[in-house]
PDB file of N, CA and C in Angstrom:
ATOM      1  N   MET A   1     -19.639  16.414  16.988  1.00  0.00           N
ATOM      2  CA  MET A   1     -18.847  15.811  15.936  1.00  0.00           C
ATOM      3  C   MET A   1     -18.796  16.682  14.691  1.00  0.00           C
ATOM      4  N   ALA A   2     -19.432  17.827  14.711  1.00  0.00           N
ATOM      5  CA  ALA A   2     -19.467  18.672  13.527  1.00  0.00           C
ATOM      6  C   ALA A   2     -18.095  19.250  13.204  1.00  0.00           C
ATOM      7  N   ASP A   3     -17.265  19.544  14.266  1.00  0.00           N
ATOM      8  CA  ASP A   3     -15.961  20.113  13.974  1.00  0.00           C
ATOM      9  C   ASP A   3     -14.884  19.050  13.796  1.00  0.00           C
ATOM     10  N   LYS A   4     -15.234  17.792  13.785  1.00  0.00           N
ATOM     11  CA  LYS A   4     -14.241  16.737  13.550  1.00  0.00           C
ATOM     12  C   LYS A   4     -13.760  16.824  12.104  1.00  0.00           C
ATOM     13  N   GLN A   5     -12.436  16.831  11.957  1.00  0.00           N
ATOM     14  CA  GLN A   5     -11.869  16.950  10.617  1.00  0.00           C
ATOM     15  C   GLN A   5     -12.108  15.679   9.819  1.00  0.00           C
ATOM     16  N   LYS A   6     -12.351  15.861   8.531  1.00  0.00           N
ATOM     17  CA  LYS A   6     -12.528  14.727   7.636  1.00  0.00           C
ATOM     18  C   LYS A   6     -11.216  14.496   6.903  1.00  0.00           C
ATOM     19  N   PHE A   7     -10.680  13.288   7.028  1.00  0.00           N
ATOM     20  CA  PHE A   7      -9.445  12.927   6.355  1.00  0.00           C
ATOM     21  C   PHE A   7      -9.762  12.033   5.165  1.00  0.00           C
ATOM     22  N   ALA A   8      -8.900  12.048   4.182  1.00  0.00           N
ATOM     23  CA  ALA A   8      -9.104  11.207   3.007  1.00  0.00           C
ATOM     24  C   ALA A   8      -8.878   9.740   3.347  1.00  0.00           C
ATOM     25  N   PHE A   9      -7.990   9.471   4.309  1.00  0.00           N
ATOM     26  CA  PHE A   9      -7.693   8.102   4.714  1.00  0.00           C
ATOM     27  C   PHE A   9      -8.213   7.862   6.121  1.00  0.00           C
ATOM     28  N   ASP A  10      -8.615   6.636   6.369  1.00  0.00           N
ATOM     29  CA  ASP A  10      -8.932   6.248   7.734  1.00  0.00           C
ATOM     30  C   ASP A  10      -7.855   5.287   8.226  1.00  0.00           C
ATOM     31  N   LYS A  11      -8.073   4.724   9.399  1.00  0.00           N
ATOM     32  CA  LYS A  11      -7.065   3.850  10.002  1.00  0.00           C
ATOM     33  C   LYS A  11      -6.784   2.625   9.129  1.00  0.00           C
ATOM     34  N   VAL A  12      -7.810   2.086   8.506  1.00  0.00           N
ATOM     35  CA  VAL A  12      -7.642   0.886   7.674  1.00  0.00           C
ATOM     36  C   VAL A  12      -6.763   1.189   6.465  1.00  0.00           C
ATOM     37  N   ASN A  13      -6.914   2.366   5.865  1.00  0.00           N
ATOM     38  CA  ASN A  13      -6.076   2.742   4.728  1.00  0.00           C
ATOM     39  C   ASN A  13      -4.597   2.758   5.120  1.00  0.00           C
ATOM     40  N   PHE A  14      -4.297   3.315   6.284  1.00  0.00           N
ATOM     41  CA  PHE A  14      -2.907   3.374   6.721  1.00  0.00           C
ATOM     42  C   PHE A  14      -2.356   1.986   7.023  1.00  0.00           C
ATOM     43  N   ILE A  15      -3.186   1.106   7.574  1.00  0.00           N
ATOM     44  CA  ILE A  15      -2.744  -0.258   7.834  1.00  0.00           C
ATOM     45  C   ILE A  15      -2.459  -0.977   6.521  1.00  0.00           C
ATOM     46  N   LEU A  16      -3.338  -0.814   5.530  1.00  0.00           N
ATOM     47  CA  LEU A  16      -3.125  -1.441   4.230  1.00  0.00           C
ATOM     48  C   LEU A  16      -1.871  -0.900   3.555  1.00  0.00           C
ATOM     49  N   LEU A  17      -1.625   0.404   3.686  1.00  0.00           N
ATOM     50  CA  LEU A  17      -0.397   0.988   3.128  1.00  0.00           C
ATOM     51  C   LEU A  17       0.840   0.406   3.801  1.00  0.00           C
ATOM     52  N   ALA A  18       0.795   0.231   5.113  1.00  0.00           N
ATOM     53  CA  ALA A  18       1.939  -0.329   5.832  1.00  0.00           C
ATOM     54  C   ALA A  18       2.196  -1.772   5.408  1.00  0.00           C
ATOM     55  N   ILE A  19       1.133  -2.543   5.211  1.00  0.00           N
ATOM     56  CA  ILE A  19       1.294  -3.926   4.758  1.00  0.00           C
ATOM     57  C   ILE A  19       1.925  -3.948   3.365  1.00  0.00           C
ATOM     58  N   GLY A  20       1.439  -3.087   2.472  1.00  0.00           N
ATOM     59  CA  GLY A  20       2.005  -3.015   1.127  1.00  0.00           C
ATOM     60  C   GLY A  20       3.466  -2.615   1.141  1.00  0.00           C
ATOM     61  N   MET A  21       3.808  -1.669   1.988  1.00  0.00           N
ATOM     62  CA  MET A  21       5.201  -1.236   2.096  1.00  0.00           C
ATOM     63  C   MET A  21       6.080  -2.373   2.608  1.00  0.00           C
ATOM     64  N   ALA A  22       5.583  -3.131   3.579  1.00  0.00           N
ATOM     65  CA  ALA A  22       6.351  -4.265   4.106  1.00  0.00           C
ATOM     66  C   ALA A  22       6.557  -5.329   3.023  1.00  0.00           C
ATOM     67  N   VAL A  23       5.545  -5.581   2.204  1.00  0.00           N
ATOM     68  CA  VAL A  23       5.669  -6.565   1.129  1.00  0.00           C
ATOM     69  C   VAL A  23       6.703  -6.104   0.099  1.00  0.00           C
ATOM     70  N   VAL A  24       6.703  -4.823  -0.228  1.00  0.00           N
ATOM     71  CA  VAL A  24       7.694  -4.290  -1.175  1.00  0.00           C
ATOM     72  C   VAL A  24       9.105  -4.429  -0.597  1.00  0.00           C
ATOM     73  N   ILE A  25       9.269  -4.136   0.675  1.00  0.00           N
ATOM     74  CA  ILE A  25      10.584  -4.268   1.308  1.00  0.00           C
ATOM     75  C   ILE A  25      11.034  -5.725   1.293  1.00  0.00           C
ATOM     76  N   ILE A  26      10.111  -6.650   1.563  1.00  0.00           N
ATOM     77  CA  ILE A  26      10.448  -8.079   1.497  1.00  0.00           C
ATOM     78  C   ILE A  26      10.888  -8.451   0.084  1.00  0.00           C
ATOM     79  N   GLY A  27      10.195  -7.911  -0.925  1.00  0.00           N
ATOM     80  CA  GLY A  27      10.586  -8.182  -2.308  1.00  0.00           C
ATOM     81  C   GLY A  27      11.986  -7.685  -2.622  1.00  0.00           C
ATOM     82  N   PHE A  28      12.317  -6.499  -2.133  1.00  0.00           N
ATOM     83  CA  PHE A  28      13.668  -5.981  -2.364  1.00  0.00           C
ATOM     84  C   PHE A  28      14.709  -6.802  -1.608  1.00  0.00           C
ATOM     85  N   LEU A  29      14.365  -7.268  -0.425  1.00  0.00           N
ATOM     86  CA  LEU A  29      15.304  -8.114   0.317  1.00  0.00           C
ATOM     87  C   LEU A  29      15.523  -9.444  -0.393  1.00  0.00           C
ATOM     88  N   LEU A  30      14.489  -9.957  -1.060  1.00  0.00           N
ATOM     89  CA  LEU A  30      14.646 -11.192  -1.823  1.00  0.00           C
ATOM     90  C   LEU A  30      15.585 -11.004  -3.013  1.00  0.00           C
ATOM     91  N   MET A  31      15.717  -9.786  -3.501  1.00  0.00           N
ATOM     92  CA  MET A  31      16.609  -9.516  -4.632  1.00  0.00           C
ATOM     93  C   MET A  31      18.078  -9.448  -4.227  1.00  0.00           C
ATOM     94  N   THR A  32      18.339  -9.311  -2.944  1.00  0.00           N
ATOM     95  CA  THR A  32      19.735  -9.164  -2.518  1.00  0.00           C
ATOM     96  C   THR A  32      20.465 -10.497  -2.565  1.00  0.00           C
ATOM     97  N   GLY A  33      21.756 -10.409  -2.586  1.00  0.00           N
ATOM     98  CA  GLY A  33      22.595 -11.601  -2.606  1.00  0.00           C
ATOM     99  C   GLY A  33      23.996 -11.246  -3.044  1.00  0.00           C
ATOM    100  N   PRO A  34      24.830 -12.252  -3.191  1.00  0.00           N
ATOM    101  CA  PRO A  34      26.220 -11.970  -3.600  1.00  0.00           C
ATOM    102  C   PRO A  34      26.267 -11.438  -5.025  1.00  0.00           C
ATOM    103  N   SER A  35      27.219 -10.575  -5.265  1.00  0.00           N
ATOM    104  CA  SER A  35      27.361  -9.997  -6.600  1.00  0.00           C
ATOM    105  C   SER A  35      28.623 -10.535  -7.269  1.00  0.00           C
ATOM    106  N   SER A  36      28.658 -10.401  -8.559  1.00  0.00           N
ATOM    107  CA  SER A  36      29.844 -10.808  -9.313  1.00  0.00           C
ATOM    108  C   SER A  36      30.902  -9.720  -9.233  1.00  0.00           C
ATOM    109  N   SER A  37      32.136 -10.131  -9.318  1.00  0.00           N
ATOM    110  CA  SER A  37      33.227  -9.160  -9.349  1.00  0.00           C
ATOM    111  C   SER A  37      34.001  -9.348 -10.652  1.00  0.00           C
ATOM    112  N   GLU A  38      35.039  -8.561 -10.838  1.00  0.00           N
ATOM    113  CA  GLU A  38      35.840  -8.673 -12.054  1.00  0.00           C
ATOM    114  C   GLU A  38      36.603  -9.989 -12.111  1.00  0.00           C
ATOM    115  N   THR A  39      36.899 -10.554 -10.955  1.00  0.00           N
ATOM    116  CA  THR A  39      37.697 -11.781 -10.927  1.00  0.00           C
ATOM    117  C   THR A  39      36.854 -13.044 -10.806  1.00  0.00           C
ATOM    118  N   ALA A  40      35.651 -12.944 -10.266  1.00  0.00           N
ATOM    119  CA  ALA A  40      34.837 -14.147 -10.053  1.00  0.00           C
ATOM    120  C   ALA A  40      33.394 -13.894 -10.494  1.00  0.00           C
ATOM    121  N   PHE A  41      32.843 -14.858 -11.213  1.00  0.00           N
ATOM    122  CA  PHE A  41      31.458 -14.779 -11.660  1.00  0.00           C
ATOM    123  C   PHE A  41      30.565 -15.507 -10.655  1.00  0.00           C
ATOM    124  N   GLU A  42      29.508 -14.872 -10.251  1.00  0.00           N
ATOM    125  CA  GLU A  42      28.561 -15.469  -9.310  1.00  0.00           C
ATOM    126  C   GLU A  42      27.288 -15.841 -10.068  1.00  0.00           C
ATOM    127  N   PRO A  43      27.034 -17.128 -10.296  1.00  0.00           N
ATOM    128  CA  PRO A  43      25.850 -17.530 -11.061  1.00  0.00           C
ATOM    129  C   PRO A  43      24.532 -17.290 -10.319  1.00  0.00           C
ATOM    130  N   ASP A  44      24.611 -16.978  -9.029  1.00  0.00           N
ATOM    131  CA  ASP A  44      23.394 -16.753  -8.247  1.00  0.00           C
ATOM    132  C   ASP A  44      22.640 -15.495  -8.684  1.00  0.00           C
ATOM    133  N   ILE A  45      23.292 -14.625  -9.450  1.00  0.00           N
ATOM    134  CA  ILE A  45      22.589 -13.414  -9.888  1.00  0.00           C
ATOM    135  C   ILE A  45      21.455 -13.742 -10.852  1.00  0.00           C
ATOM    136  N   PHE A  46      21.465 -14.940 -11.425  1.00  0.00           N
ATOM    137  CA  PHE A  46      20.407 -15.351 -12.342  1.00  0.00           C
ATOM    138  C   PHE A  46      19.467 -16.378 -11.707  1.00  0.00           C
ATOM    139  N   SER A  47      19.404 -16.426 -10.387  1.00  0.00           N
ATOM    140  CA  SER A  47      18.541 -17.400  -9.713  1.00  0.00           C
ATOM    141  C   SER A  47      17.069 -17.012  -9.896  1.00  0.00           C
ATOM    142  N   VAL A  48      16.199 -17.992  -9.778  1.00  0.00           N
ATOM    143  CA  VAL A  48      14.762 -17.767  -9.938  1.00  0.00           C
ATOM    144  C   VAL A  48      14.248 -16.805  -8.866  1.00  0.00           C
ATOM    145  N   ARG A  49      14.794 -16.909  -7.673  1.00  0.00           N
ATOM    146  CA  ARG A  49      14.362 -16.035  -6.583  1.00  0.00           C
ATOM    147  C   ARG A  49      14.622 -14.567  -6.915  1.00  0.00           C
ATOM    148  N   ARG A  50      15.783 -14.279  -7.499  1.00  0.00           N
ATOM    149  CA  ARG A  50      16.152 -12.886  -7.766  1.00  0.00           C
ATOM    150  C   ARG A  50      15.571 -12.360  -9.073  1.00  0.00           C
ATOM    151  N   ILE A  51      15.269 -13.229 -10.015  1.00  0.00           N
ATOM    152  CA  ILE A  51      14.804 -12.790 -11.326  1.00  0.00           C
ATOM    153  C   ILE A  51      13.277 -12.807 -11.438  1.00  0.00           C
ATOM    154  N   LYS A  52      12.619 -13.782 -10.814  1.00  0.00           N
ATOM    155  CA  LYS A  52      11.175 -13.932 -10.998  1.00  0.00           C
ATOM    156  C   LYS A  52      10.368 -13.705  -9.733  1.00  0.00           C
ATOM    157  N   VAL A  53      10.778 -14.307  -8.627  1.00  0.00           N
ATOM    158  CA  VAL A  53       9.969 -14.250  -7.406  1.00  0.00           C
ATOM    159  C   VAL A  53       9.986 -12.853  -6.791  1.00  0.00           C
ATOM    160  N   ALA A  54      11.160 -12.288  -6.604  1.00  0.00           N
ATOM    161  CA  ALA A  54      11.280 -10.984  -5.955  1.00  0.00           C
ATOM    162  C   ALA A  54      10.550  -9.869  -6.720  1.00  0.00           C
ATOM    163  N   PRO A  55      10.692  -9.758  -8.050  1.00  0.00           N
ATOM    164  CA  PRO A  55       9.919  -8.725  -8.749  1.00  0.00           C
ATOM    165  C   PRO A  55       8.405  -8.954  -8.663  1.00  0.00           C
ATOM    166  N   ALA A  56       7.973 -10.212  -8.646  1.00  0.00           N
ATOM    167  CA  ALA A  56       6.542 -10.491  -8.517  1.00  0.00           C
ATOM    168  C   ALA A  56       6.036 -10.062  -7.140  1.00  0.00           C
ATOM    169  N   VAL A  57       6.834 -10.307  -6.104  1.00  0.00           N
ATOM    170  CA  VAL A  57       6.451  -9.886  -4.754  1.00  0.00           C
ATOM    171  C   VAL A  57       6.383  -8.366  -4.679  1.00  0.00           C
ATOM    172  N   CYS A  58       7.350  -7.672  -5.270  1.00  0.00           N
ATOM    173  CA  CYS A  58       7.340  -6.205  -5.288  1.00  0.00           C
ATOM    174  C   CYS A  58       6.119  -5.674  -6.046  1.00  0.00           C
ATOM    175  N   LEU A  59       5.818  -6.268  -7.184  1.00  0.00           N
ATOM    176  CA  LEU A  59       4.652  -5.839  -7.960  1.00  0.00           C
ATOM    177  C   LEU A  59       3.378  -6.013  -7.152  1.00  0.00           C
ATOM    178  N   PHE A  60       3.237  -7.152  -6.476  1.00  0.00           N
ATOM    179  CA  PHE A  60       2.067  -7.376  -5.633  1.00  0.00           C
ATOM    180  C   PHE A  60       1.979  -6.322  -4.532  1.00  0.00           C
ATOM    181  N   GLY A  61       3.123  -5.980  -3.927  1.00  0.00           N
ATOM    182  CA  GLY A  61       3.134  -4.957  -2.878  1.00  0.00           C
ATOM    183  C   GLY A  61       2.725  -3.595  -3.403  1.00  0.00           C
ATOM    184  N   PHE A  62       3.207  -3.231  -4.601  1.00  0.00           N
ATOM    185  CA  PHE A  62       2.824  -1.945  -5.185  1.00  0.00           C
ATOM    186  C   PHE A  62       1.336  -1.922  -5.551  1.00  0.00           C
ATOM    187  N   LEU A  63       0.829  -3.014  -6.082  1.00  0.00           N
ATOM    188  CA  LEU A  63      -0.607  -3.083  -6.390  1.00  0.00           C
ATOM    189  C   LEU A  63      -1.440  -2.993  -5.118  1.00  0.00           C
ATOM    190  N   TRP A  64      -0.966  -3.606  -4.038  1.00  0.00           N
ATOM    191  CA  TRP A  64      -1.649  -3.550  -2.754  1.00  0.00           C
ATOM    192  C   TRP A  64      -1.692  -2.100  -2.251  1.00  0.00           C
ATOM    193  N   MET A  65      -0.585  -1.376  -2.419  1.00  0.00           N
ATOM    194  CA  MET A  65      -0.548   0.015  -1.973  1.00  0.00           C
ATOM    195  C   MET A  65      -1.460   0.889  -2.821  1.00  0.00           C
ATOM    196  N   ILE A  66      -1.560   0.608  -4.117  1.00  0.00           N
ATOM    197  CA  ILE A  66      -2.487   1.359  -4.966  1.00  0.00           C
ATOM    198  C   ILE A  66      -3.917   1.132  -4.496  1.00  0.00           C
ATOM    199  N   TYR A  67      -4.260  -0.124  -4.165  1.00  0.00           N
ATOM    200  CA  TYR A  67      -5.592  -0.404  -3.636  1.00  0.00           C
ATOM    201  C   TYR A  67      -5.830   0.354  -2.328  1.00  0.00           C
ATOM    202  N   ALA A  68      -4.811   0.402  -1.457  1.00  0.00           N
ATOM    203  CA  ALA A  68      -4.949   1.092  -0.174  1.00  0.00           C
ATOM    204  C   ALA A  68      -5.197   2.580  -0.367  1.00  0.00           C
ATOM    205  N   VAL A  69      -4.581   3.170  -1.388  1.00  0.00           N
ATOM    206  CA  VAL A  69      -4.780   4.597  -1.650  1.00  0.00           C
ATOM    207  C   VAL A  69      -6.160   4.843  -2.256  1.00  0.00           C
ATOM    208  N   LEU A  70      -6.599   3.972  -3.138  1.00  0.00           N
ATOM    209  CA  LEU A  70      -7.883   4.180  -3.818  1.00  0.00           C
ATOM    210  C   LEU A  70      -9.080   3.753  -2.988  1.00  0.00           C
ATOM    211  N   ARG A  71      -8.873   2.979  -1.925  1.00  0.00           N
ATOM    212  CA  ARG A  71      -9.975   2.506  -1.093  1.00  0.00           C
ATOM    213  C   ARG A  71     -10.657   3.694  -0.426  1.00  0.00           C
ATOM    214  N   LYS A  72     -11.967   3.764  -0.566  1.00  0.00           N
ATOM    215  CA  LYS A  72     -12.732   4.856   0.025  1.00  0.00           C
ATOM    216  C   LYS A  72     -13.153   4.461   1.430  1.00  0.00           C
ATOM    217  N   PRO A  73     -12.891   5.323   2.415  1.00  0.00           N
ATOM    218  CA  PRO A  73     -13.286   4.989   3.785  1.00  0.00           C
ATOM    219  C   PRO A  73     -14.806   4.890   3.909  1.00  0.00           C
ATOM    220  N   LYS A  74     -15.237   4.030   4.794  1.00  0.00           N
ATOM    221  CA  LYS A  74     -16.665   3.874   5.038  1.00  0.00           C
ATOM    222  C   LYS A  74     -17.171   5.118   5.764  1.00  0.00           C
ATOM    223  N   THR A  75     -18.341   5.608   5.357  1.00  0.00           N
ATOM    224  CA  THR A  75     -18.947   6.754   6.027  1.00  0.00           C
ATOM    225  C   THR A  75     -20.016   6.259   6.986  1.00  0.00           C
ATOM    226  N   ASN A  76     -20.093   6.923   8.116  1.00  0.00           N
ATOM    227  CA  ASN A  76     -21.121   6.570   9.094  1.00  0.00           C
ATOM    228  C   ASN A  76     -22.470   7.084   8.616  1.00  0.00           C
ATOM    229  N   GLN A  77     -23.512   6.351   8.901  1.00  0.00           N
ATOM    230  CA  GLN A  77     -24.854   6.773   8.505  1.00  0.00           C
ATOM    231  C   GLN A  77     -25.254   8.043   9.245  1.00  0.00           C
ATOM    232  N   THR A  78     -24.812   8.201  10.502  1.00  0.00           N
ATOM    233  CA  THR A  78     -25.165   9.401  11.257  1.00  0.00           C
ATOM    234  C   THR A  78     -24.516  10.633  10.641  1.00  0.00           C
ATOM    235  N   ASP A  79     -23.276  10.512  10.154  1.00  0.00           N
ATOM    236  CA  ASP A  79     -22.634  11.647   9.489  1.00  0.00           C
ATOM    237  C   ASP A  79     -23.408  12.042   8.242  1.00  0.00           C
ATOM    238  N   TYR A  80     -23.882  11.048   7.490  1.00  0.00           N
ATOM    239  CA  TYR A  80     -24.636  11.333   6.288  1.00  0.00           C
ATOM    240  C   TYR A  80     -25.945  12.036   6.639  1.00  0.00           C
ATOM    241  N   ASN A  81     -26.611  11.572   7.675  1.00  0.00           N
ATOM    242  CA  ASN A  81     -27.864  12.198   8.088  1.00  0.00           C
ATOM    243  C   ASN A  81     -27.635  13.620   8.560  1.00  0.00           C
ATOM    244  N   ASN A  82     -26.556  13.876   9.293  1.00  0.00           N
ATOM    245  CA  ASN A  82     -26.260  15.231   9.757  1.00  0.00           C
ATOM    246  C   ASN A  82     -26.005  16.171   8.586  1.00  0.00           C
ATOM    247  N   THR A  83     -25.287  15.730   7.575  1.00  0.00           N
ATOM    248  CA  THR A  83     -25.007  16.611   6.444  1.00  0.00           C
ATOM    249  C   THR A  83     -26.255  16.856   5.621  1.00  0.00           C
ATOM    250  N   THR A  84     -27.132  15.874   5.493  1.00  0.00           N
ATOM    251  CA  THR A  84     -28.367  16.115   4.733  1.00  0.00           C
ATOM    252  C   THR A  84     -29.291  17.036   5.497  1.00  0.00           C
ATOM    253  N   ASP A  85     -29.300  16.953   6.843  1.00  0.00           N
ATOM    254  CA  ASP A  85     -30.118  17.859   7.636  1.00  0.00           C
ATOM    255  C   ASP A  85     -29.617  19.294   7.501  1.00  0.00           C
ATOM    256  N   ILE A  86     -28.298  19.465   7.481  1.00  0.00           N
ATOM    257  CA  ILE A  86     -27.719  20.801   7.339  1.00  0.00           C
ATOM    258  C   ILE A  86     -28.058  21.359   5.955  1.00  0.00           C
ATOM    259  N   ASN A  87     -27.971  20.513   4.925  1.00  0.00           N
ATOM    260  CA  ASN A  87     -28.295  20.974   3.581  1.00  0.00           C
ATOM    261  C   ASN A  87     -29.750  21.403   3.476  1.00  0.00           C
ATOM    262  N   LYS A  88     -30.672  20.721   4.147  1.00  0.00           N
ATOM    263  CA  LYS A  88     -32.077  21.093   4.117  1.00  0.00           C
ATOM    264  C   LYS A  88     -32.306  22.446   4.802  1.00  0.00           C
ATOM    265  N   GLU A  89     -31.568  22.682   5.891  1.00  0.00           N
ATOM    266  CA  GLU A  89     -31.719  23.945   6.618  1.00  0.00           C
ATOM    267  C   GLU A  89     -31.207  25.116   5.784  1.00  0.00           C
ATOM    268  N   VAL A  90     -30.144  24.894   5.005  1.00  0.00           N
ATOM    269  CA  VAL A  90     -29.551  25.966   4.209  1.00  0.00           C
ATOM    270  C   VAL A  90     -30.501  26.351   3.071  1.00  0.00           C
ATOM    271  N   GLN A  91     -31.175  25.392   2.497  1.00  0.00           N
ATOM    272  CA  GLN A  91     -32.056  25.680   1.366  1.00  0.00           C
ATOM    273  C   GLN A  91     -33.267  26.334   1.869  1.00  0.00           C
TER     274      GLN A  91
END
């Protein structure tokens, strides 16, 4: 296992990022709807869903993705022991 590459993210980080991305996409989909034109006014553009709920869902998704990026992967105890043994041999 000594030549196994160390990545900044593990599988859980990528899953959390995917969940956050899906939540952001859902938030943007909640913002969609009919638009006003020059001839007709659509009052739905000021609905609670499009003005308050959808941006809150997007914000939650972005915060979730920030947590997924900042989350530190768990290290195995055996990996820690191997690196400390190598450090002792070098000194």
